[in-house]
Structures are given as C-alpha cells and as structure tokens.
Amino acid sequence: MASPTNPLKDAGVPQHILSLLDRLHTASIEQESRLDITAFAPDQIHNAARDAFIALDQDKCHFVYQLARAMNAKNIIEAGTSFGVSTMYLGLAVSANVQASGGSGTVIATEHEPSKGEQARKYWAEGGEVVSKHIDLRVGDLLQTLKENIPTIDMLLLDIWAPMTLPALKVVQPHLRHGAVVIIDNTISSASRYKELLEYLRADHSGFTNLTIPYSNGLEMCVYTP
C-alpha cells in the first residue's frame, strides 16, 4: 500500500530509485496475494516463504525511513533482508543522515538465503551508490554473523521468521543505545507467532516501552530505555 505522501520524494531521492521501489513493491504485492502465510503451521512458514518475494509494505517503509531520519540514525541492523527492498530505505536514510551531520554510518543487513542476498545486491546496484554505499550485507545464520563488528545501534528492524526474532533481539540488545528503536512487522496478525518476543518486550523492567501502530497487520515500535 502506498502512502498518500512520499517522504523520499520530498527528500529529493532520484526518480529512478522511486520508480525502482514502486516496481518492487508492486511485485511484492502480487507475490503475497498468491501466498497465504496463515495457511501454514509455524514450523512450515520458513520453507513456504523461502523463495517468495515479499517486502515490508510500502507505507511501513516510508514510516521507517521517516523515523530513521528523525532519529538521525546512522547505525541500523535489519534482521531479514530478503530481496533488499526495505534495506534500500534504510540505506537512503543513513546516507542522508551522514551527509547532513557528518560521521560514518552502516546498515547491517542479514539474510539467510544466499540467492536472496545476491538478488538484493543487484537491486541496490540498480539504485546506485546513494542506496548501497553504507550497506554491509551479511549472509548466513544471523546468530553468527551478528557476533562481531557491531557498532552502537540506533535502530533494529526485525522482519524475519518469527522463532528467530527473540534470539536476534538478544544478540543485538547489548549494542542498542539508550533510545534505540526496535521495529517488528505483523504484530497484530501474527501475535501468536510472536508470543515469546512480545512477552519479553512487554515484561516489567524489560527496558522497552512498546507501541503497536495500527498499520495493516500491525507494526510494533519499541524504544529501548534501560
């Protein structure tokens, strides 16, 4: 679903990137319409969606981009890059923030499937250096690839197989700065699948304040204030 306004357009993102993103979101909508995730048991979803082209909804991507710009986020982790669509928004946000206020930045993008990572790189190359120059793609088991060379993190986007979300959060949590934001997709429609993660985040003294934003299927925004 496209937003009524587009913060990327307002920010002067080149038209070829806007067109690329529109094309990829259209492909994702078409693919997702043919794949009913709710029809699969939790332990079957990973295999069912292994090769599916499913991206974070466009309006959610616009929100995440806008949030990253508002926070001046320069170090972001995306757990579950897939074909790299939402990663492009993160890369654009970090590029803009670094250009505006200096310093360095990185988007650490994790993807379990090598074929998806390879295709993501092609899309990023099509977008150009403003998209790709700050992206550090790590292919493999994120519990291993996120063990080393992690800066202080401003934002974590969790958009992966539900059983992996809590382990991923626990790996990254020691690196979250005070005020870091964690974003989780589909926390209304998939609340039962995220049960352990949501209980962890919402527990007394977890260090997180939590808000469910009523986008389609839900979007959780958690602020880390230990």
C-alpha atoms as a PDB file:
ATOM      1  CA  MET A   1       0.000   0.000   0.000  1.00  0.00           C
ATOM      2  CA  ALA A   2       1.448   3.388  -0.985  1.00  0.00           C
ATOM      3  CA  SER A   3       1.374   6.300   1.437  1.00  0.00           C
ATOM      4  CA  PRO A   4      -0.650   9.425   0.492  1.00  0.00           C
ATOM      5  CA  THR A   5       2.668  11.289   0.750  1.00  0.00           C
ATOM      6  CA  ASN A   6       6.154  10.052  -0.015  1.00  0.00           C
ATOM      7  CA  PRO A   7       8.955  11.297   2.263  1.00  0.00           C
ATOM      8  CA  LEU A   8      11.577  10.038  -0.194  1.00  0.00           C
ATOM      9  CA  LYS A   9      10.189  12.260  -2.931  1.00  0.00           C
ATOM     10  CA  ASP A  10      10.097  15.210  -0.541  1.00  0.00           C
ATOM     11  CA  ALA A  11      13.740  14.485   0.373  1.00  0.00           C
ATOM     12  CA  GLY A  12      14.824  14.643  -3.257  1.00  0.00           C
ATOM     13  CA  VAL A  13      15.545  10.946  -3.787  1.00  0.00           C
ATOM     14  CA  PRO A  14      16.205  10.454  -7.532  1.00  0.00           C
ATOM     15  CA  GLN A  15      13.270   9.410  -9.687  1.00  0.00           C
ATOM     16  CA  HIS A  16      14.928   6.210 -10.897  1.00  0.00           C
ATOM     17  CA  ILE A  17      15.081   4.993  -7.280  1.00  0.00           C
ATOM     18  CA  LEU A  18      11.459   5.938  -6.617  1.00  0.00           C
ATOM     19  CA  SER A  19      10.425   4.055  -9.759  1.00  0.00           C
ATOM     20  CA  LEU A  20      12.514   1.023  -8.777  1.00  0.00           C
ATOM     21  CA  LEU A  21      10.926   0.906  -5.329  1.00  0.00           C
ATOM     22  CA  ASP A  22       7.417   1.244  -6.764  1.00  0.00           C
ATOM     23  CA  ARG A  23       8.164  -1.623  -9.151  1.00  0.00           C
ATOM     24  CA  LEU A  24       9.482  -3.858  -6.381  1.00  0.00           C
ATOM     25  CA  HIS A  25       6.564  -3.136  -4.066  1.00  0.00           C
ATOM     26  CA  THR A  26       4.141  -3.969  -6.878  1.00  0.00           C
ATOM     27  CA  ALA A  27       5.933  -7.286  -7.426  1.00  0.00           C
ATOM     28  CA  SER A  28       5.760  -7.986  -3.692  1.00  0.00           C
ATOM     29  CA  ILE A  29       2.016  -7.306  -3.544  1.00  0.00           C
ATOM     30  CA  GLU A  30       1.405  -9.640  -6.479  1.00  0.00           C
ATOM     31  CA  GLN A  31       3.514 -12.398  -4.926  1.00  0.00           C
ATOM     32  CA  GLU A  32       1.996 -12.010  -1.465  1.00  0.00           C
ATOM     33  CA  SER A  33      -1.531 -12.225  -2.884  1.00  0.00           C
ATOM     34  CA  ARG A  34      -0.703 -15.744  -4.059  1.00  0.00           C
ATOM     35  CA  LEU A  35       0.844 -16.878  -0.760  1.00  0.00           C
ATOM     36  CA  ASP A  36      -1.353 -17.210   2.319  1.00  0.00           C
ATOM     37  CA  ILE A  37       1.110 -17.388   5.212  1.00  0.00           C
ATOM     38  CA  THR A  38      -1.709 -18.063   7.675  1.00  0.00           C
ATOM     39  CA  ALA A  39      -2.361 -21.399   5.946  1.00  0.00           C
ATOM     40  CA  PHE A  40       0.960 -22.787   7.162  1.00  0.00           C
ATOM     41  CA  ALA A  41       1.941 -24.094  10.576  1.00  0.00           C
ATOM     42  CA  PRO A  42       4.663 -22.057  12.319  1.00  0.00           C
ATOM     43  CA  ASP A  43       7.336 -24.644  11.511  1.00  0.00           C
ATOM     44  CA  GLN A  44       6.347 -24.633   7.818  1.00  0.00           C
ATOM     45  CA  ILE A  45       6.427 -20.904   7.129  1.00  0.00           C
ATOM     46  CA  HIS A  46      10.182 -20.651   6.642  1.00  0.00           C
ATOM     47  CA  ASN A  47      10.207 -23.222   3.848  1.00  0.00           C
ATOM     48  CA  ALA A  48       6.973 -21.939   2.307  1.00  0.00           C
ATOM     49  CA  ALA A  49       8.338 -18.407   2.015  1.00  0.00           C
ATOM     50  CA  ARG A  50      11.958 -19.336   1.257  1.00  0.00           C
ATOM     51  CA  ASP A  51      11.854 -18.039  -2.328  1.00  0.00           C
ATOM     52  CA  ALA A  52       8.879 -15.695  -2.028  1.00  0.00           C
ATOM     53  CA  PHE A  53       9.348 -12.052  -2.988  1.00  0.00           C
ATOM     54  CA  ILE A  54       7.645 -10.410  -0.020  1.00  0.00           C
ATOM     55  CA  ALA A  55       8.734  -6.964   1.142  1.00  0.00           C
ATOM     56  CA  LEU A  56       7.757  -4.748   4.047  1.00  0.00           C
ATOM     57  CA  ASP A  57       4.655  -2.785   2.988  1.00  0.00           C
ATOM     58  CA  GLN A  58       5.465   0.491   1.277  1.00  0.00           C
ATOM     59  CA  ASP A  59       3.681   2.681   3.816  1.00  0.00           C
ATOM     60  CA  LYS A  60       5.618   0.949   6.596  1.00  0.00           C
ATOM     61  CA  CYS A  61       8.858   1.515   4.682  1.00  0.00           C
ATOM     62  CA  HIS A  62       8.007   5.204   4.429  1.00  0.00           C
ATOM     63  CA  PHE A  63       7.430   5.304   8.192  1.00  0.00           C
ATOM     64  CA  VAL A  64      10.716   3.528   8.947  1.00  0.00           C
ATOM     65  CA  TYR A  65      12.589   5.891   6.618  1.00  0.00           C
ATOM     66  CA  GLN A  66      10.988   8.936   8.227  1.00  0.00           C
ATOM     67  CA  LEU A  67      11.733   7.607  11.713  1.00  0.00           C
ATOM     68  CA  ALA A  68      15.376   6.931  10.844  1.00  0.00           C
ATOM     69  CA  ARG A  69      15.710  10.483   9.518  1.00  0.00           C
ATOM     70  CA  ALA A  70      14.050  11.955  12.628  1.00  0.00           C
ATOM     71  CA  MET A  71      16.406   9.985  14.891  1.00  0.00           C
ATOM     72  CA  ASN A  72      19.457  10.818  12.777  1.00  0.00           C
ATOM     73  CA  ALA A  73      20.031   7.055  12.822  1.00  0.00           C
ATOM     74  CA  LYS A  74      23.414   6.152  11.376  1.00  0.00           C
ATOM     75  CA  ASN A  75      23.828   2.556  12.509  1.00  0.00           C
ATOM     76  CA  ILE A  76      20.939   0.225  11.743  1.00  0.00           C
ATOM     77  CA  ILE A  77      20.534  -3.551  11.731  1.00  0.00           C
ATOM     78  CA  GLU A  78      17.952  -5.233   9.543  1.00  0.00           C
ATOM     79  CA  ALA A  79      17.307  -8.834  10.560  1.00  0.00           C
ATOM     80  CA  GLY A  80      15.739 -10.391   7.491  1.00  0.00           C
ATOM     81  CA  THR A  81      16.806  -8.514   4.380  1.00  0.00           C
ATOM     82  CA  SER A  82      15.130 -10.878   1.916  1.00  0.00           C
ATOM     83  CA  PHE A  83      15.388  -9.256  -1.535  1.00  0.00           C
ATOM     84  CA  GLY A  84      16.582  -5.969  -0.076  1.00  0.00           C
ATOM     85  CA  VAL A  85      13.608  -3.666  -0.613  1.00  0.00           C
ATOM     86  CA  SER A  86      13.259  -2.265   2.908  1.00  0.00           C
ATOM     87  CA  THR A  87      17.067  -2.200   3.105  1.00  0.00           C
ATOM     88  CA  MET A  88      17.045   0.404   0.353  1.00  0.00           C
ATOM     89  CA  TYR A  89      15.007   2.761   2.518  1.00  0.00           C
ATOM     90  CA  LEU A  90      17.426   2.248   5.398  1.00  0.00           C
ATOM     91  CA  GLY A  91      20.402   2.840   3.124  1.00  0.00           C
ATOM     92  CA  LEU A  92      18.860   6.043   1.804  1.00  0.00           C
ATOM     93  CA  ALA A  93      18.119   7.267   5.333  1.00  0.00           C
ATOM     94  CA  VAL A  94      21.632   6.572   6.594  1.00  0.00           C
ATOM     95  CA  SER A  95      23.177   8.203   3.504  1.00  0.00           C
ATOM     96  CA  ALA A  96      21.070  11.319   4.064  1.00  0.00           C
ATOM     97  CA  ASN A  97      21.874  11.444   7.783  1.00  0.00           C
ATOM     98  CA  VAL A  98      25.614  11.075   7.210  1.00  0.00           C
ATOM     99  CA  GLN A  99      25.521  13.745   4.525  1.00  0.00           C
ATOM    100  CA  ALA A 100      23.577  16.109   6.786  1.00  0.00           C
ATOM    101  CA  SER A 101      25.541  15.750  10.009  1.00  0.00           C
ATOM    102  CA  GLY A 102      28.787  14.008   9.126  1.00  0.00           C
ATOM    103  CA  GLY A 103      30.398  10.971  10.642  1.00  0.00           C
ATOM    104  CA  SER A 104      30.045   7.420   9.427  1.00  0.00           C
ATOM    105  CA  GLY A 105      27.141   5.025   9.186  1.00  0.00           C
ATOM    106  CA  THR A 106      26.206   1.486   8.296  1.00  0.00           C
ATOM    107  CA  VAL A 107      23.175  -0.650   7.603  1.00  0.00           C
ATOM    108  CA  ILE A 108      23.999  -4.203   8.641  1.00  0.00           C
ATOM    109  CA  ALA A 109      21.671  -6.339   6.564  1.00  0.00           C
ATOM    110  CA  THR A 110      21.310 -10.032   7.394  1.00  0.00           C
ATOM    111  CA  GLU A 111      19.965 -12.707   5.067  1.00  0.00           C
ATOM    112  CA  HIS A 112      19.999 -16.481   5.500  1.00  0.00           C
ATOM    113  CA  GLU A 113      19.481 -17.388   1.829  1.00  0.00           C
ATOM    114  CA  PRO A 114      22.469 -16.650  -0.478  1.00  0.00           C
ATOM    115  CA  SER A 115      20.247 -16.388  -3.571  1.00  0.00           C
ATOM    116  CA  LYS A 116      18.170 -13.640  -1.955  1.00  0.00           C
ATOM    117  CA  GLY A 117      21.298 -11.796  -0.894  1.00  0.00           C
ATOM    118  CA  GLU A 118      22.659 -11.961  -4.436  1.00  0.00           C
ATOM    119  CA  GLN A 119      19.449 -10.553  -5.898  1.00  0.00           C
ATOM    120  CA  ALA A 120      19.313  -7.841  -3.228  1.00  0.00           C
ATOM    121  CA  ARG A 121      22.777  -6.667  -4.275  1.00  0.00           C
ATOM    122  CA  LYS A 122      21.534  -6.331  -7.870  1.00  0.00           C
ATOM    123  CA  TYR A 123      18.628  -4.140  -6.801  1.00  0.00           C
ATOM    124  CA  TRP A 124      20.922  -1.990  -4.661  1.00  0.00           C
ATOM    125  CA  ALA A 125      23.311  -1.597  -7.586  1.00  0.00           C
ATOM    126  CA  GLU A 126      20.372  -0.525  -9.743  1.00  0.00           C
ATOM    127  CA  GLY A 127      19.552   2.114  -7.155  1.00  0.00           C
ATOM    128  CA  GLY A 128      23.126   3.354  -7.137  1.00  0.00           C
ATOM    129  CA  GLU A 129      25.717   4.360  -4.581  1.00  0.00           C
ATOM    130  CA  VAL A 130      23.351   6.524  -2.536  1.00  0.00           C
ATOM    131  CA  VAL A 131      21.488   3.293  -1.739  1.00  0.00           C
ATOM    132  CA  SER A 132      24.345   0.820  -1.490  1.00  0.00           C
ATOM    133  CA  LYS A 133      27.384   2.605  -0.101  1.00  0.00           C
ATOM    134  CA  HIS A 134      26.511   2.151   3.573  1.00  0.00           C
ATOM    135  CA  ILE A 135      25.050  -1.385   3.351  1.00  0.00           C
ATOM    136  CA  ASP A 136      27.009  -4.255   4.912  1.00  0.00           C
ATOM    137  CA  LEU A 137      25.286  -7.474   3.798  1.00  0.00           C
ATOM    138  CA  ARG A 138      25.973 -10.492   5.999  1.00  0.00           C
ATOM    139  CA  VAL A 139      24.745 -13.789   4.564  1.00  0.00           C
ATOM    140  CA  GLY A 140      24.239 -16.811   6.808  1.00  0.00           C
ATOM    141  CA  ASP A 141      22.978 -17.521  10.315  1.00  0.00           C
ATOM    142  CA  LEU A 142      22.461 -14.115  11.892  1.00  0.00           C
ATOM    143  CA  LEU A 143      23.231 -15.519  15.327  1.00  0.00           C
ATOM    144  CA  GLN A 144      26.747 -15.981  13.970  1.00  0.00           C
ATOM    145  CA  THR A 145      27.053 -13.040  11.568  1.00  0.00           C
ATOM    146  CA  LEU A 146      25.990 -10.548  14.258  1.00  0.00           C
ATOM    147  CA  LYS A 147      28.552 -11.733  16.801  1.00  0.00           C
ATOM    148  CA  GLU A 148      31.340  -9.420  15.643  1.00  0.00           C
ATOM    149  CA  ASN A 149      31.942  -5.892  14.377  1.00  0.00           C
ATOM    150  CA  ILE A 150      28.702  -4.397  15.660  1.00  0.00           C
ATOM    151  CA  PRO A 151      28.702  -0.644  16.380  1.00  0.00           C
ATOM    152  CA  THR A 152      26.335   1.065  18.786  1.00  0.00           C
ATOM    153  CA  ILE A 153      22.939   0.594  17.149  1.00  0.00           C
ATOM    154  CA  ASP A 154      20.262   3.265  16.683  1.00  0.00           C
ATOM    155  CA  MET A 155      17.585   1.066  15.111  1.00  0.00           C
ATOM    156  CA  LEU A 156      16.795  -2.631  14.706  1.00  0.00           C
ATOM    157  CA  LEU A 157      14.256  -3.817  12.132  1.00  0.00           C
ATOM    158  CA  LEU A 158      13.013  -7.352  12.793  1.00  0.00           C
ATOM    159  CA  ASP A 159      11.247  -8.786   9.757  1.00  0.00           C
ATOM    160  CA  ILE A 160      12.203 -12.448   9.868  1.00  0.00           C
ATOM    161  CA  TRP A 161      10.807 -15.880  10.650  1.00  0.00           C
ATOM    162  CA  ALA A 162       9.036 -15.401  13.995  1.00  0.00           C
ATOM    163  CA  PRO A 163      11.012 -18.023  16.002  1.00  0.00           C
ATOM    164  CA  MET A 164      14.218 -16.127  15.156  1.00  0.00           C
ATOM    165  CA  THR A 165      13.067 -12.719  16.343  1.00  0.00           C
ATOM    166  CA  LEU A 166      13.750 -13.114  20.064  1.00  0.00           C
ATOM    167  CA  PRO A 167      17.184 -14.725  19.584  1.00  0.00           C
ATOM    168  CA  ALA A 168      18.052 -11.942  17.132  1.00  0.00           C
ATOM    169  CA  LEU A 169      16.959  -9.258  19.587  1.00  0.00           C
ATOM    170  CA  LYS A 170      19.015 -10.810  22.383  1.00  0.00           C
ATOM    171  CA  VAL A 171      22.127 -10.839  20.179  1.00  0.00           C
ATOM    172  CA  VAL A 172      21.704  -7.177  19.251  1.00  0.00           C
ATOM    173  CA  GLN A 173      20.375  -5.820  22.565  1.00  0.00           C
ATOM    174  CA  PRO A 174      23.802  -5.293  24.203  1.00  0.00           C
ATOM    175  CA  HIS A 175      24.640  -2.961  21.316  1.00  0.00           C
ATOM    176  CA  LEU A 176      21.453  -0.852  21.426  1.00  0.00           C
ATOM    177  CA  ARG A 177      21.970   2.731  22.507  1.00  0.00           C
ATOM    178  CA  HIS A 178      19.679   4.381  25.015  1.00  0.00           C
ATOM    179  CA  GLY A 179      16.686   5.484  22.954  1.00  0.00           C
ATOM    180  CA  ALA A 180      17.252   2.958  20.178  1.00  0.00           C
ATOM    181  CA  VAL A 181      14.134   1.823  18.350  1.00  0.00           C
ATOM    182  CA  VAL A 182      13.138  -1.756  17.532  1.00  0.00           C
ATOM    183  CA  ILE A 183      10.561  -2.255  14.761  1.00  0.00           C
ATOM    184  CA  ILE A 184       8.694  -5.555  14.295  1.00  0.00           C
ATOM    185  CA  ASP A 185       6.268  -6.250  11.457  1.00  0.00           C
ATOM    186  CA  ASN A 186       2.885  -8.023  11.616  1.00  0.00           C
ATOM    187  CA  THR A 187       2.495  -7.953  15.398  1.00  0.00           C
ATOM    188  CA  ILE A 188      -1.311  -7.887  15.193  1.00  0.00           C
ATOM    189  CA  SER A 189      -1.940 -10.571  12.580  1.00  0.00           C
ATOM    190  CA  SER A 190       0.923 -12.763  13.848  1.00  0.00           C
ATOM    191  CA  ALA A 191       0.660 -12.005  17.570  1.00  0.00           C
ATOM    192  CA  SER A 192       0.500 -15.697  18.459  1.00  0.00           C
ATOM    193  CA  ARG A 193       3.679 -16.403  16.483  1.00  0.00           C
ATOM    194  CA  TYR A 194       5.455 -13.529  18.235  1.00  0.00           C
ATOM    195  CA  LYS A 195       4.224 -14.564  21.692  1.00  0.00           C
ATOM    196  CA  GLU A 196       7.656 -15.104  23.273  1.00  0.00           C
ATOM    197  CA  LEU A 197       9.118 -11.957  21.741  1.00  0.00           C
ATOM    198  CA  LEU A 198       6.204  -9.756  22.785  1.00  0.00           C
ATOM    199  CA  GLU A 199       6.189 -11.176  26.307  1.00  0.00           C
ATOM    200  CA  TYR A 200       9.912 -10.413  26.559  1.00  0.00           C
ATOM    201  CA  LEU A 201       9.489  -6.844  25.312  1.00  0.00           C
ATOM    202  CA  ARG A 202       6.442  -6.120  27.466  1.00  0.00           C
ATOM    203  CA  ALA A 203       7.694  -7.691  30.682  1.00  0.00           C
ATOM    204  CA  ASP A 204       8.176  -5.472  33.719  1.00  0.00           C
ATOM    205  CA  HIS A 205      11.649  -3.918  33.756  1.00  0.00           C
ATOM    206  CA  SER A 206      12.422  -5.134  30.216  1.00  0.00           C
ATOM    207  CA  GLY A 207      13.904  -1.751  29.386  1.00  0.00           C
ATOM    208  CA  PHE A 208      11.491  -1.315  26.470  1.00  0.00           C
ATOM    209  CA  THR A 209       8.463   0.916  26.063  1.00  0.00           C
ATOM    210  CA  ASN A 210       6.120  -0.512  23.454  1.00  0.00           C
ATOM    211  CA  LEU A 211       3.550   0.782  21.000  1.00  0.00           C
ATOM    212  CA  THR A 212       1.520  -1.179  18.440  1.00  0.00           C
ATOM    213  CA  ILE A 213       0.944   1.061  15.423  1.00  0.00           C
ATOM    214  CA  PRO A 214      -2.248   0.134  13.530  1.00  0.00           C
ATOM    215  CA  TYR A 215      -0.772  -0.357  10.091  1.00  0.00           C
ATOM    216  CA  SER A 216      -2.127  -3.338   8.150  1.00  0.00           C
ATOM    217  CA  ASN A 217      -1.366  -6.442  10.263  1.00  0.00           C
ATOM    218  CA  GLY A 218       0.304  -4.253  12.879  1.00  0.00           C
ATOM    219  CA  LEU A 219       3.734  -2.708  13.352  1.00  0.00           C
ATOM    220  CA  GLU A 220       5.437  -2.684  16.741  1.00  0.00           C
ATOM    221  CA  MET A 221       7.627   0.248  17.741  1.00  0.00           C
ATOM    222  CA  CYS A 222       9.697  -0.349  20.860  1.00  0.00           C
ATOM    223  CA  VAL A 223      12.017   2.227  22.427  1.00  0.00           C
ATOM    224  CA  TYR A 224      14.953   0.962  24.488  1.00  0.00           C
ATOM    225  CA  THR A 225      15.375   2.969  27.698  1.00  0.00           C
ATOM    226  CA  PRO A 226      17.123   0.649  30.177  1.00  0.00           C
END
